[in-house]
Amino acid sequence: MKRRTLDVLFSAGGMVLAALLVLAGIVLTSNANFANDYVTDQLTAQKIVFKPADQLTPEERAQPCLVDYAGQQLTTGKQAECYANNFIGLHLQSVADGKTYAELGAPQAALREQVATAEEANDPALPELQAQLDQITGQRDTLFKGETLRGLLLTSFGFSEFGAKAAQAATVAYIAAFVMFVLALAGFAHAAKTPETTAFAPVDKPEREATNV
């Protein structure tokens, strides 16, 4: 095959690959923009605002991101992660000595049985048992709401991270497309300077030496 023909074929292939990389970059950029816009719109609609710096408790001041975002409205994935883990998570730990909604399920069920038994037996301990049941029920309600909001915010953060990764991948695709485009142009330039009659020289195979038996 002629060298000039080979240069043109490789260069054309490079152009096609560059076009495909640009197309991939456009798709990734579109996905990244959608993820960022969607997260921003959804978080903005919640109208969550970080506490002002002068209202932060000592425990909250120990969380660097709460100080950094103090007084700001929550609109980004990073802010959602901070609010979920460092604000909601911090306060949930003090609701029931660090226990979760799921962990309080068994104690609550046990107290309900005790209250039902005490009601049937007219047990004088009924008011105390009822107060304990009301307390643990209130704790579970608080934990359910807090853990649900925390989970939703962390989901928004995860979605925003997918958008960030898509944006990074789009940048890599654009850079690779530019490199391939430059190489393809160089290939076409080299082909233009190469005479049409230039061809790859055939490789001579070494002759086998005859051996005498």
N, C-alpha and C. Protein backbone atom coordinates (compact mmCIF):
# COMPACT_ATOMS: atom_id res chain seq x y z
N MET A 1 0.84 -1.20 0.00
CA MET A 1 0.00 0.00 0.00
C MET A 1 0.87 1.24 0.00
N LYS A 2 0.45 2.27 -0.74
CA LYS A 2 1.21 3.51 -0.81
C LYS A 2 1.19 4.23 0.54
N ARG A 3 2.31 4.84 0.85
CA ARG A 3 2.42 5.57 2.13
C ARG A 3 1.41 6.72 2.20
N ARG A 4 1.21 7.40 1.08
CA ARG A 4 0.27 8.52 1.08
C ARG A 4 -1.15 8.05 1.36
N THR A 5 -1.53 6.93 0.78
CA THR A 5 -2.87 6.38 1.01
C THR A 5 -3.06 5.99 2.47
N LEU A 6 -2.02 5.39 3.03
CA LEU A 6 -2.09 4.98 4.43
C LEU A 6 -2.22 6.19 5.36
N ASP A 7 -1.49 7.27 5.07
CA ASP A 7 -1.60 8.49 5.86
C ASP A 7 -3.01 9.06 5.81
N VAL A 8 -3.60 9.06 4.62
CA VAL A 8 -4.95 9.60 4.47
C VAL A 8 -5.96 8.75 5.25
N LEU A 9 -5.81 7.43 5.18
CA LEU A 9 -6.74 6.55 5.89
C LEU A 9 -6.65 6.75 7.40
N PHE A 10 -5.44 6.80 7.93
CA PHE A 10 -5.26 7.00 9.37
C PHE A 10 -5.78 8.37 9.79
N SER A 11 -5.52 9.38 8.98
CA SER A 11 -5.96 10.73 9.32
C SER A 11 -7.48 10.84 9.29
N ALA A 12 -8.11 10.20 8.30
CA ALA A 12 -9.57 10.21 8.23
C ALA A 12 -10.17 9.49 9.44
N GLY A 13 -9.54 8.39 9.82
CA GLY A 13 -10.00 7.68 11.01
C GLY A 13 -9.87 8.54 12.26
N GLY A 14 -8.79 9.30 12.33
CA GLY A 14 -8.60 10.21 13.46
C GLY A 14 -9.67 11.28 13.52
N MET A 15 -10.04 11.80 12.34
CA MET A 15 -11.10 12.81 12.28
C MET A 15 -12.44 12.24 12.76
N VAL A 16 -12.73 11.01 12.34
CA VAL A 16 -13.98 10.36 12.77
C VAL A 16 -13.97 10.15 14.28
N LEU A 17 -12.85 9.69 14.81
CA LEU A 17 -12.75 9.47 16.25
C LEU A 17 -12.87 10.79 17.01
N ALA A 18 -12.28 11.85 16.48
CA ALA A 18 -12.39 13.16 17.12
C ALA A 18 -13.84 13.63 17.15
N ALA A 19 -14.56 13.39 16.05
CA ALA A 19 -15.97 13.78 16.00
C ALA A 19 -16.79 12.99 17.01
N LEU A 20 -16.49 11.70 17.15
CA LEU A 20 -17.20 10.87 18.13
C LEU A 20 -16.92 11.33 19.55
N LEU A 21 -15.68 11.72 19.82
CA LEU A 21 -15.32 12.22 21.15
C LEU A 21 -16.03 13.54 21.46
N VAL A 22 -16.13 14.40 20.46
CA VAL A 22 -16.86 15.66 20.65
C VAL A 22 -18.32 15.37 20.96
N LEU A 23 -18.91 14.42 20.22
CA LEU A 23 -20.30 14.06 20.46
C LEU A 23 -20.49 13.50 21.87
N ALA A 24 -19.55 12.65 22.30
CA ALA A 24 -19.62 12.10 23.66
C ALA A 24 -19.50 13.22 24.69
N GLY A 25 -18.61 14.18 24.42
CA GLY A 25 -18.44 15.31 25.34
C GLY A 25 -19.71 16.14 25.45
N ILE A 26 -20.40 16.34 24.31
CA ILE A 26 -21.64 17.11 24.32
C ILE A 26 -22.71 16.39 25.15
N VAL A 27 -22.81 15.07 24.98
CA VAL A 27 -23.79 14.30 25.75
C VAL A 27 -23.47 14.36 27.24
N LEU A 28 -22.20 14.20 27.61
CA LEU A 28 -21.80 14.25 29.01
C LEU A 28 -22.03 15.64 29.60
N THR A 29 -21.75 16.67 28.83
CA THR A 29 -21.98 18.03 29.30
C THR A 29 -23.46 18.28 29.54
N SER A 30 -24.30 17.78 28.63
CA SER A 30 -25.74 17.92 28.78
C SER A 30 -26.22 17.23 30.05
N ASN A 31 -25.71 16.02 30.31
CA ASN A 31 -26.09 15.29 31.53
C ASN A 31 -25.62 16.02 32.78
N ALA A 32 -24.42 16.57 32.72
CA ALA A 32 -23.88 17.30 33.88
C ALA A 32 -24.71 18.54 34.17
N ASN A 33 -25.07 19.26 33.13
CA ASN A 33 -25.89 20.46 33.32
C ASN A 33 -27.27 20.12 33.87
N PHE A 34 -27.84 19.02 33.37
CA PHE A 34 -29.15 18.60 33.87
C PHE A 34 -29.08 18.25 35.35
N ALA A 35 -28.05 17.48 35.72
CA ALA A 35 -27.91 17.08 37.13
C ALA A 35 -27.74 18.30 38.03
N ASN A 36 -26.89 19.22 37.62
CA ASN A 36 -26.66 20.41 38.45
C ASN A 36 -27.91 21.29 38.55
N ASP A 37 -28.58 21.50 37.42
CA ASP A 37 -29.79 22.33 37.44
C ASP A 37 -30.90 21.68 38.25
N TYR A 38 -31.04 20.36 38.11
CA TYR A 38 -32.10 19.65 38.83
C TYR A 38 -31.87 19.72 40.33
N VAL A 39 -30.64 19.46 40.75
CA VAL A 39 -30.32 19.51 42.18
C VAL A 39 -30.53 20.92 42.73
N THR A 40 -30.07 21.91 42.00
CA THR A 40 -30.23 23.30 42.46
C THR A 40 -31.70 23.69 42.58
N ASP A 41 -32.50 23.31 41.58
CA ASP A 41 -33.92 23.66 41.61
C ASP A 41 -34.63 22.99 42.77
N GLN A 42 -34.34 21.70 42.98
CA GLN A 42 -35.03 20.97 44.04
C GLN A 42 -34.62 21.47 45.43
N LEU A 43 -33.34 21.74 45.61
CA LEU A 43 -32.87 22.21 46.92
C LEU A 43 -33.35 23.63 47.20
N THR A 44 -33.35 24.46 46.17
CA THR A 44 -33.81 25.84 46.35
C THR A 44 -35.27 25.87 46.77
N ALA A 45 -36.07 24.95 46.21
CA ALA A 45 -37.50 24.91 46.52
C ALA A 45 -37.75 24.58 48.00
N GLN A 46 -36.79 23.90 48.64
CA GLN A 46 -36.97 23.54 50.06
C GLN A 46 -36.77 24.73 50.99
N LYS A 47 -36.11 25.76 50.50
CA LYS A 47 -35.89 27.00 51.28
C LYS A 47 -35.23 26.72 52.63
N ILE A 48 -34.21 25.86 52.60
CA ILE A 48 -33.42 25.57 53.80
C ILE A 48 -32.29 26.58 53.90
N VAL A 49 -32.13 27.17 55.07
CA VAL A 49 -31.08 28.17 55.28
C VAL A 49 -30.22 27.73 56.46
N PHE A 50 -28.92 27.80 56.30
CA PHE A 50 -28.00 27.48 57.40
C PHE A 50 -28.14 28.52 58.50
N LYS A 51 -27.93 28.08 59.74
CA LYS A 51 -28.00 29.00 60.86
C LYS A 51 -26.92 30.07 60.74
N PRO A 52 -27.22 31.30 61.12
CA PRO A 52 -26.19 32.35 61.10
C PRO A 52 -25.05 31.99 62.05
N ALA A 53 -23.90 32.54 61.77
CA ALA A 53 -22.71 32.19 62.56
C ALA A 53 -22.87 32.53 64.03
N ASP A 54 -23.56 33.64 64.34
CA ASP A 54 -23.69 34.04 65.73
C ASP A 54 -24.72 33.22 66.50
N GLN A 55 -25.44 32.32 65.81
CA GLN A 55 -26.43 31.48 66.47
C GLN A 55 -25.98 30.02 66.59
N LEU A 56 -24.81 29.72 66.11
CA LEU A 56 -24.30 28.35 66.17
C LEU A 56 -23.93 27.98 67.60
N THR A 57 -24.26 26.74 67.98
CA THR A 57 -23.88 26.22 69.29
C THR A 57 -22.41 25.81 69.24
N PRO A 58 -21.78 25.59 70.39
CA PRO A 58 -20.38 25.14 70.39
C PRO A 58 -20.18 23.86 69.58
N GLU A 59 -21.16 22.92 69.68
CA GLU A 59 -21.04 21.67 68.92
C GLU A 59 -21.11 21.94 67.43
N GLU A 60 -21.97 22.89 67.04
CA GLU A 60 -22.10 23.22 65.62
C GLU A 60 -20.89 23.98 65.11
N ARG A 61 -20.31 24.81 65.95
CA ARG A 61 -19.11 25.54 65.53
C ARG A 61 -17.93 24.60 65.30
N ALA A 62 -18.00 23.42 65.91
CA ALA A 62 -16.92 22.44 65.71
C ALA A 62 -16.99 21.79 64.33
N GLN A 63 -18.09 22.04 63.61
CA GLN A 63 -18.24 21.51 62.25
C GLN A 63 -17.82 22.60 61.26
N PRO A 64 -16.66 22.48 60.62
CA PRO A 64 -16.14 23.56 59.75
C PRO A 64 -17.11 24.00 58.67
N CYS A 65 -17.81 23.06 58.05
CA CYS A 65 -18.68 23.45 56.93
C CYS A 65 -19.88 24.26 57.40
N LEU A 66 -20.35 24.03 58.63
CA LEU A 66 -21.46 24.84 59.14
C LEU A 66 -21.04 26.28 59.34
N VAL A 67 -19.77 26.47 59.67
CA VAL A 67 -19.24 27.83 59.81
C VAL A 67 -19.07 28.47 58.43
N ASP A 68 -18.58 27.67 57.47
CA ASP A 68 -18.36 28.20 56.12
C ASP A 68 -19.67 28.60 55.44
N TYR A 69 -20.73 27.79 55.65
CA TYR A 69 -22.00 28.04 54.99
C TYR A 69 -22.99 28.83 55.86
N ALA A 70 -22.54 29.32 56.99
CA ALA A 70 -23.44 30.01 57.93
C ALA A 70 -24.22 31.12 57.24
N GLY A 71 -25.54 31.10 57.43
CA GLY A 71 -26.40 32.15 56.88
C GLY A 71 -26.75 31.98 55.41
N GLN A 72 -26.18 30.99 54.73
CA GLN A 72 -26.44 30.80 53.30
C GLN A 72 -27.65 29.90 53.06
N GLN A 73 -28.29 30.09 51.92
CA GLN A 73 -29.38 29.18 51.54
C GLN A 73 -28.78 27.93 50.93
N LEU A 74 -29.39 26.79 51.22
CA LEU A 74 -28.90 25.51 50.74
C LEU A 74 -29.34 25.31 49.29
N THR A 75 -28.38 25.30 48.36
CA THR A 75 -28.70 25.18 46.94
C THR A 75 -27.81 24.19 46.18
N THR A 76 -26.75 23.70 46.79
CA THR A 76 -25.80 22.83 46.08
C THR A 76 -25.68 21.47 46.76
N GLY A 77 -25.12 20.52 46.02
CA GLY A 77 -24.93 19.18 46.56
C GLY A 77 -23.99 19.17 47.75
N LYS A 78 -22.91 19.93 47.68
CA LYS A 78 -21.96 19.99 48.78
C LYS A 78 -22.61 20.55 50.04
N GLN A 79 -23.44 21.57 49.87
CA GLN A 79 -24.15 22.13 51.01
C GLN A 79 -25.13 21.10 51.59
N ALA A 80 -25.78 20.33 50.71
CA ALA A 80 -26.71 19.30 51.16
C ALA A 80 -26.00 18.25 52.00
N GLU A 81 -24.80 17.85 51.57
CA GLU A 81 -24.03 16.87 52.33
C GLU A 81 -23.68 17.42 53.70
N CYS A 82 -23.26 18.68 53.75
CA CYS A 82 -22.89 19.31 55.01
C CYS A 82 -24.09 19.37 55.95
N TYR A 83 -25.22 19.83 55.44
CA TYR A 83 -26.41 19.99 56.28
C TYR A 83 -26.90 18.63 56.79
N ALA A 84 -26.83 17.61 55.91
CA ALA A 84 -27.31 16.28 56.28
C ALA A 84 -26.44 15.64 57.35
N ASN A 85 -25.13 15.67 57.15
CA ASN A 85 -24.22 14.97 58.06
C ASN A 85 -23.83 15.79 59.28
N ASN A 86 -23.59 17.08 59.08
CA ASN A 86 -23.03 17.89 60.15
C ASN A 86 -24.05 18.68 60.95
N PHE A 87 -25.26 18.82 60.43
CA PHE A 87 -26.30 19.52 61.19
C PHE A 87 -27.39 18.55 61.64
N ILE A 88 -28.07 17.93 60.66
CA ILE A 88 -29.12 16.97 61.04
C ILE A 88 -28.53 15.79 61.78
N GLY A 89 -27.46 15.21 61.23
CA GLY A 89 -26.83 14.06 61.87
C GLY A 89 -26.35 14.36 63.27
N LEU A 90 -25.82 15.56 63.46
CA LEU A 90 -25.33 15.97 64.78
C LEU A 90 -26.47 16.00 65.79
N HIS A 91 -27.61 16.58 65.42
CA HIS A 91 -28.73 16.72 66.36
C HIS A 91 -29.48 15.41 66.55
N LEU A 92 -29.47 14.54 65.56
CA LEU A 92 -30.14 13.25 65.73
C LEU A 92 -29.45 12.39 66.78
N GLN A 93 -28.15 12.59 66.94
CA GLN A 93 -27.41 11.80 67.93
C GLN A 93 -27.86 12.09 69.36
N SER A 94 -28.45 13.25 69.59
CA SER A 94 -28.87 13.62 70.94
C SER A 94 -30.34 13.32 71.21
N VAL A 95 -31.07 12.81 70.21
CA VAL A 95 -32.50 12.55 70.40
C VAL A 95 -32.74 11.36 71.31
N ALA A 96 -32.04 10.26 71.07
CA ALA A 96 -32.25 9.03 71.85
C ALA A 96 -30.91 8.38 72.16
N ASP A 97 -29.99 9.19 72.65
CA ASP A 97 -28.65 8.68 73.00
C ASP A 97 -27.96 7.99 71.82
N GLY A 98 -28.15 8.54 70.65
CA GLY A 98 -27.46 8.00 69.48
C GLY A 98 -28.18 6.85 68.80
N LYS A 99 -29.32 6.39 69.31
CA LYS A 99 -30.03 5.28 68.69
C LYS A 99 -30.80 5.77 67.47
N THR A 100 -31.01 4.87 66.53
CA THR A 100 -31.70 5.22 65.30
C THR A 100 -33.19 4.87 65.39
N TYR A 101 -33.91 5.29 64.37
CA TYR A 101 -35.35 4.98 64.29
C TYR A 101 -35.58 3.47 64.36
N ALA A 102 -34.78 2.72 63.63
CA ALA A 102 -34.95 1.26 63.59
C ALA A 102 -34.63 0.63 64.96
N GLU A 103 -33.62 1.13 65.63
CA GLU A 103 -33.23 0.55 66.92
C GLU A 103 -34.28 0.77 68.00
N LEU A 104 -35.08 1.81 67.89
CA LEU A 104 -36.12 2.07 68.88
C LEU A 104 -37.40 1.28 68.62
N GLY A 105 -37.45 0.55 67.51
CA GLY A 105 -38.65 -0.20 67.18
C GLY A 105 -38.99 -1.26 68.21
N ALA A 106 -38.00 -2.06 68.60
CA ALA A 106 -38.25 -3.13 69.56
C ALA A 106 -38.64 -2.58 70.94
N PRO A 107 -37.92 -1.59 71.50
CA PRO A 107 -38.34 -1.03 72.79
C PRO A 107 -39.75 -0.44 72.74
N GLN A 108 -40.11 0.21 71.66
CA GLN A 108 -41.45 0.78 71.55
C GLN A 108 -42.51 -0.31 71.54
N ALA A 109 -42.27 -1.39 70.80
CA ALA A 109 -43.23 -2.51 70.76
C ALA A 109 -43.37 -3.15 72.13
N ALA A 110 -42.25 -3.29 72.85
CA ALA A 110 -42.30 -3.88 74.18
C ALA A 110 -43.10 -3.01 75.14
N LEU A 111 -42.92 -1.70 75.07
CA LEU A 111 -43.66 -0.79 75.93
C LEU A 111 -45.16 -0.82 75.61
N ARG A 112 -45.50 -0.96 74.35
CA ARG A 112 -46.91 -1.05 73.98
C ARG A 112 -47.56 -2.27 74.61
N GLU A 113 -46.84 -3.38 74.60
CA GLU A 113 -47.38 -4.59 75.23
C GLU A 113 -47.52 -4.39 76.73
N GLN A 114 -46.55 -3.73 77.35
CA GLN A 114 -46.62 -3.49 78.79
C GLN A 114 -47.79 -2.57 79.14
N VAL A 115 -47.99 -1.54 78.30
CA VAL A 115 -49.11 -0.63 78.55
C VAL A 115 -50.44 -1.36 78.40
N ALA A 116 -50.57 -2.21 77.39
CA ALA A 116 -51.81 -2.97 77.19
C ALA A 116 -52.07 -3.90 78.35
N THR A 117 -51.03 -4.56 78.84
CA THR A 117 -51.18 -5.46 79.98
C THR A 117 -51.55 -4.70 81.24
N ALA A 118 -50.92 -3.53 81.43
CA ALA A 118 -51.20 -2.71 82.61
C ALA A 118 -52.63 -2.19 82.60
N GLU A 119 -53.14 -1.86 81.40
CA GLU A 119 -54.52 -1.38 81.29
C GLU A 119 -55.51 -2.47 81.68
N GLU A 120 -55.24 -3.71 81.25
CA GLU A 120 -56.14 -4.81 81.58
C GLU A 120 -56.12 -5.13 83.07
N ALA A 121 -54.94 -4.98 83.69
CA ALA A 121 -54.80 -5.33 85.11
C ALA A 121 -54.98 -4.14 86.03
N ASN A 122 -55.34 -2.98 85.46
CA ASN A 122 -55.46 -1.76 86.29
C ASN A 122 -54.20 -1.54 87.14
N ASP A 123 -53.05 -1.77 86.50
CA ASP A 123 -51.76 -1.62 87.20
C ASP A 123 -51.52 -0.15 87.51
N PRO A 124 -51.16 0.18 88.76
CA PRO A 124 -50.88 1.58 89.11
C PRO A 124 -49.67 2.15 88.38
N ALA A 125 -48.86 1.27 87.79
CA ALA A 125 -47.68 1.74 87.05
C ALA A 125 -48.03 2.18 85.64
N LEU A 126 -49.33 2.13 85.28
CA LEU A 126 -49.76 2.47 83.93
C LEU A 126 -49.35 3.88 83.51
N PRO A 127 -49.57 4.92 84.33
CA PRO A 127 -49.17 6.27 83.90
C PRO A 127 -47.69 6.39 83.56
N GLU A 128 -46.85 5.73 84.36
CA GLU A 128 -45.40 5.79 84.10
C GLU A 128 -45.06 5.08 82.79
N LEU A 129 -45.68 3.91 82.61
CA LEU A 129 -45.43 3.17 81.37
C LEU A 129 -45.93 3.95 80.15
N GLN A 130 -47.08 4.60 80.29
CA GLN A 130 -47.62 5.39 79.19
C GLN A 130 -46.72 6.57 78.87
N ALA A 131 -46.15 7.18 79.91
CA ALA A 131 -45.24 8.31 79.70
C ALA A 131 -43.98 7.85 78.96
N GLN A 132 -43.48 6.67 79.32
CA GLN A 132 -42.31 6.13 78.63
C GLN A 132 -42.63 5.83 77.16
N LEU A 133 -43.85 5.28 76.94
CA LEU A 133 -44.25 4.99 75.57
C LEU A 133 -44.39 6.27 74.76
N ASP A 134 -44.98 7.28 75.35
CA ASP A 134 -45.14 8.56 74.65
C ASP A 134 -43.78 9.17 74.32
N GLN A 135 -42.85 9.02 75.25
CA GLN A 135 -41.51 9.58 75.02
C GLN A 135 -40.80 8.88 73.86
N ILE A 136 -40.82 7.55 73.88
CA ILE A 136 -40.11 6.82 72.83
C ILE A 136 -40.82 6.98 71.48
N THR A 137 -42.15 7.13 71.51
CA THR A 137 -42.89 7.37 70.27
C THR A 137 -42.51 8.73 69.67
N GLY A 138 -42.41 9.73 70.55
CA GLY A 138 -41.98 11.05 70.08
C GLY A 138 -40.57 11.03 69.54
N GLN A 139 -39.68 10.26 70.18
CA GLN A 139 -38.31 10.14 69.69
C GLN A 139 -38.27 9.48 68.33
N ARG A 140 -39.06 8.43 68.15
CA ARG A 140 -39.09 7.74 66.86
C ARG A 140 -39.64 8.65 65.76
N ASP A 141 -40.66 9.43 66.08
CA ASP A 141 -41.21 10.36 65.09
C ASP A 141 -40.16 11.39 64.67
N THR A 142 -39.45 11.92 65.66
CA THR A 142 -38.41 12.90 65.35
C THR A 142 -37.30 12.28 64.51
N LEU A 143 -36.88 11.07 64.90
CA LEU A 143 -35.81 10.39 64.16
C LEU A 143 -36.26 10.04 62.74
N PHE A 144 -37.51 9.64 62.60
CA PHE A 144 -38.02 9.29 61.26
C PHE A 144 -37.98 10.50 60.34
N LYS A 145 -38.45 11.63 60.82
CA LYS A 145 -38.45 12.84 60.01
C LYS A 145 -37.02 13.29 59.71
N GLY A 146 -36.17 13.27 60.73
CA GLY A 146 -34.79 13.71 60.54
C GLY A 146 -34.01 12.80 59.61
N GLU A 147 -34.15 11.49 59.80
CA GLU A 147 -33.41 10.54 58.96
C GLU A 147 -33.94 10.57 57.52
N THR A 148 -35.24 10.80 57.36
CA THR A 148 -35.80 10.90 56.00
C THR A 148 -35.24 12.13 55.27
N LEU A 149 -35.25 13.27 55.94
CA LEU A 149 -34.70 14.48 55.33
C LEU A 149 -33.21 14.32 55.05
N ARG A 150 -32.52 13.72 55.99
CA ARG A 150 -31.08 13.51 55.81
C ARG A 150 -30.83 12.62 54.59
N GLY A 151 -31.62 11.56 54.44
CA GLY A 151 -31.45 10.67 53.30
C GLY A 151 -31.74 11.37 51.98
N LEU A 152 -32.76 12.21 51.96
CA LEU A 152 -33.09 12.94 50.73
C LEU A 152 -31.99 13.92 50.35
N LEU A 153 -31.44 14.58 51.34
CA LEU A 153 -30.35 15.53 51.06
C LEU A 153 -29.11 14.81 50.55
N LEU A 154 -28.81 13.65 51.14
CA LEU A 154 -27.64 12.89 50.69
C LEU A 154 -27.87 12.32 49.29
N THR A 155 -29.12 12.01 48.96
CA THR A 155 -29.42 11.57 47.60
C THR A 155 -29.16 12.70 46.60
N SER A 156 -29.55 13.90 46.99
CA SER A 156 -29.27 15.06 46.13
C SER A 156 -27.77 15.27 45.97
N PHE A 157 -27.03 15.08 47.05
CA PHE A 157 -25.57 15.20 46.98
C PHE A 157 -24.99 14.16 46.02
N GLY A 158 -25.47 12.91 46.15
CA GLY A 158 -24.97 11.86 45.25
C GLY A 158 -25.28 12.15 43.80
N PHE A 159 -26.48 12.68 43.53
CA PHE A 159 -26.86 13.03 42.17
C PHE A 159 -25.97 14.15 41.63
N SER A 160 -25.65 15.11 42.50
CA SER A 160 -24.78 16.20 42.07
C SER A 160 -23.37 15.70 41.77
N GLU A 161 -22.92 14.66 42.51
CA GLU A 161 -21.60 14.09 42.26
C GLU A 161 -21.56 13.39 40.91
N PHE A 162 -22.65 12.73 40.53
CA PHE A 162 -22.71 12.14 39.19
C PHE A 162 -22.58 13.23 38.13
N GLY A 163 -23.22 14.36 38.38
CA GLY A 163 -23.10 15.48 37.44
C GLY A 163 -21.68 15.98 37.35
N ALA A 164 -21.00 16.06 38.50
CA ALA A 164 -19.61 16.53 38.51
C ALA A 164 -18.70 15.56 37.76
N LYS A 165 -18.93 14.25 37.96
CA LYS A 165 -18.12 13.25 37.25
C LYS A 165 -18.37 13.32 35.75
N ALA A 166 -19.63 13.56 35.36
CA ALA A 166 -19.95 13.67 33.94
C ALA A 166 -19.24 14.88 33.33
N ALA A 167 -19.17 15.99 34.09
CA ALA A 167 -18.48 17.18 33.59
C ALA A 167 -16.99 16.91 33.42
N GLN A 168 -16.40 16.17 34.36
CA GLN A 168 -14.98 15.83 34.25
C GLN A 168 -14.73 14.93 33.03
N ALA A 169 -15.63 13.95 32.85
CA ALA A 169 -15.48 13.05 31.70
C ALA A 169 -15.64 13.83 30.39
N ALA A 170 -16.54 14.81 30.37
CA ALA A 170 -16.72 15.63 29.16
C ALA A 170 -15.45 16.41 28.85
N THR A 171 -14.79 16.94 29.88
CA THR A 171 -13.54 17.68 29.67
C THR A 171 -12.47 16.78 29.05
N VAL A 172 -12.37 15.55 29.59
CA VAL A 172 -11.40 14.58 29.05
C VAL A 172 -11.72 14.27 27.59
N ALA A 173 -13.01 14.11 27.28
CA ALA A 173 -13.42 13.81 25.90
C ALA A 173 -13.06 14.96 24.97
N TYR A 174 -13.27 16.19 25.40
CA TYR A 174 -12.94 17.34 24.55
C TYR A 174 -11.42 17.43 24.32
N ILE A 175 -10.65 17.19 25.36
CA ILE A 175 -9.19 17.24 25.22
C ILE A 175 -8.71 16.16 24.26
N ALA A 176 -9.25 14.95 24.44
CA ALA A 176 -8.86 13.84 23.55
C ALA A 176 -9.27 14.14 22.11
N ALA A 177 -10.45 14.75 21.92
CA ALA A 177 -10.90 15.09 20.58
C ALA A 177 -9.97 16.12 19.94
N PHE A 178 -9.52 17.09 20.72
CA PHE A 178 -8.60 18.10 20.19
C PHE A 178 -7.27 17.47 19.78
N VAL A 179 -6.77 16.57 20.62
CA VAL A 179 -5.50 15.90 20.30
C VAL A 179 -5.64 15.08 19.02
N MET A 180 -6.75 14.32 18.90
CA MET A 180 -6.95 13.52 17.71
C MET A 180 -7.11 14.41 16.48
N PHE A 181 -7.76 15.55 16.63
CA PHE A 181 -7.95 16.48 15.50
C PHE A 181 -6.60 17.01 15.02
N VAL A 182 -5.74 17.39 15.96
CA VAL A 182 -4.41 17.90 15.60
C VAL A 182 -3.59 16.81 14.91
N LEU A 183 -3.64 15.60 15.47
CA LEU A 183 -2.88 14.49 14.86
C LEU A 183 -3.40 14.18 13.45
N ALA A 184 -4.72 14.25 13.29
CA ALA A 184 -5.29 13.99 11.96
C ALA A 184 -4.84 15.05 10.96
N LEU A 185 -4.83 16.31 11.39
CA LEU A 185 -4.35 17.38 10.50
C LEU A 185 -2.89 17.17 10.13
N ALA A 186 -2.10 16.75 11.12
CA ALA A 186 -0.69 16.48 10.85
C ALA A 186 -0.55 15.34 9.85
N GLY A 187 -1.44 14.34 9.99
CA GLY A 187 -1.40 13.23 9.04
C GLY A 187 -1.75 13.65 7.63
N PHE A 188 -2.76 14.51 7.50
CA PHE A 188 -3.12 15.01 6.17
C PHE A 188 -1.99 15.86 5.58
N ALA A 189 -1.34 16.67 6.43
CA ALA A 189 -0.23 17.50 5.96
C ALA A 189 0.93 16.63 5.48
N HIS A 190 1.18 15.54 6.24
CA HIS A 190 2.26 14.64 5.83
C HIS A 190 1.90 13.94 4.53
N ALA A 191 0.63 13.57 4.39
CA ALA A 191 0.21 12.90 3.15
C ALA A 191 0.34 13.82 1.95
N ALA A 192 0.09 15.12 2.15
CA ALA A 192 0.19 16.07 1.04
C ALA A 192 1.63 16.23 0.57
N LYS A 193 2.59 16.05 1.49
CA LYS A 193 3.99 16.20 1.13
C LYS A 193 4.60 14.90 0.60
N THR A 194 3.89 13.79 0.79
CA THR A 194 4.43 12.50 0.37
C THR A 194 4.09 12.23 -1.10
N PRO A 195 5.08 11.92 -1.93
CA PRO A 195 4.81 11.63 -3.35
C PRO A 195 3.84 10.46 -3.49
N GLU A 196 3.00 10.51 -4.54
CA GLU A 196 2.00 9.46 -4.72
C GLU A 196 2.65 8.11 -5.00
N THR A 197 3.85 8.12 -5.55
CA THR A 197 4.49 6.86 -5.93
C THR A 197 5.21 6.21 -4.78
N THR A 198 5.33 6.90 -3.63
CA THR A 198 6.04 6.33 -2.50
C THR A 198 5.26 5.18 -1.90
N ALA A 199 5.90 4.06 -1.73
CA ALA A 199 5.23 2.89 -1.16
C ALA A 199 6.17 2.24 -0.17
N PHE A 200 5.60 1.40 0.68
CA PHE A 200 6.43 0.67 1.63
C PHE A 200 7.18 -0.42 0.89
N ALA A 201 8.49 -0.50 1.13
CA ALA A 201 9.30 -1.51 0.47
C ALA A 201 8.99 -2.88 1.05
N PRO A 202 8.86 -3.88 0.18
CA PRO A 202 8.58 -5.23 0.70
C PRO A 202 9.76 -5.74 1.52
N VAL A 203 9.46 -6.52 2.47
CA VAL A 203 10.49 -7.08 3.35
C VAL A 203 10.95 -8.38 2.73
N ASP A 204 12.26 -8.43 2.42
CA ASP A 204 12.82 -9.65 1.83
C ASP A 204 12.95 -10.73 2.89
N LYS A 205 12.48 -11.92 2.53
CA LYS A 205 12.61 -13.03 3.45
C LYS A 205 13.96 -13.70 3.23
N PRO A 206 14.68 -13.99 4.28
CA PRO A 206 15.99 -14.65 4.12
C PRO A 206 15.83 -16.04 3.52
N GLU A 207 16.70 -16.29 2.57
CA GLU A 207 16.65 -17.61 1.94
C GLU A 207 17.21 -18.65 2.87
N ARG A 208 16.54 -19.77 2.86
CA ARG A 208 17.02 -20.86 3.70
C ARG A 208 18.25 -21.50 3.06
N GLU A 209 19.18 -21.76 3.87
CA GLU A 209 20.40 -22.40 3.36
C GLU A 209 20.16 -23.90 3.22
N ALA A 210 20.60 -24.38 2.11
CA ALA A 210 20.44 -25.82 1.89
C ALA A 210 21.40 -26.57 2.77
N THR A 211 20.93 -27.62 3.30
CA THR A 211 21.78 -28.43 4.17
C THR A 211 22.04 -29.77 3.50
N ASN A 212 23.26 -30.22 3.58
CA ASN A 212 23.60 -31.53 3.01
C ASN A 212 23.38 -32.61 4.03
N VAL A 213 22.76 -33.66 3.59
CA VAL A 213 22.51 -34.77 4.51
C VAL A 213 23.68 -35.71 4.41
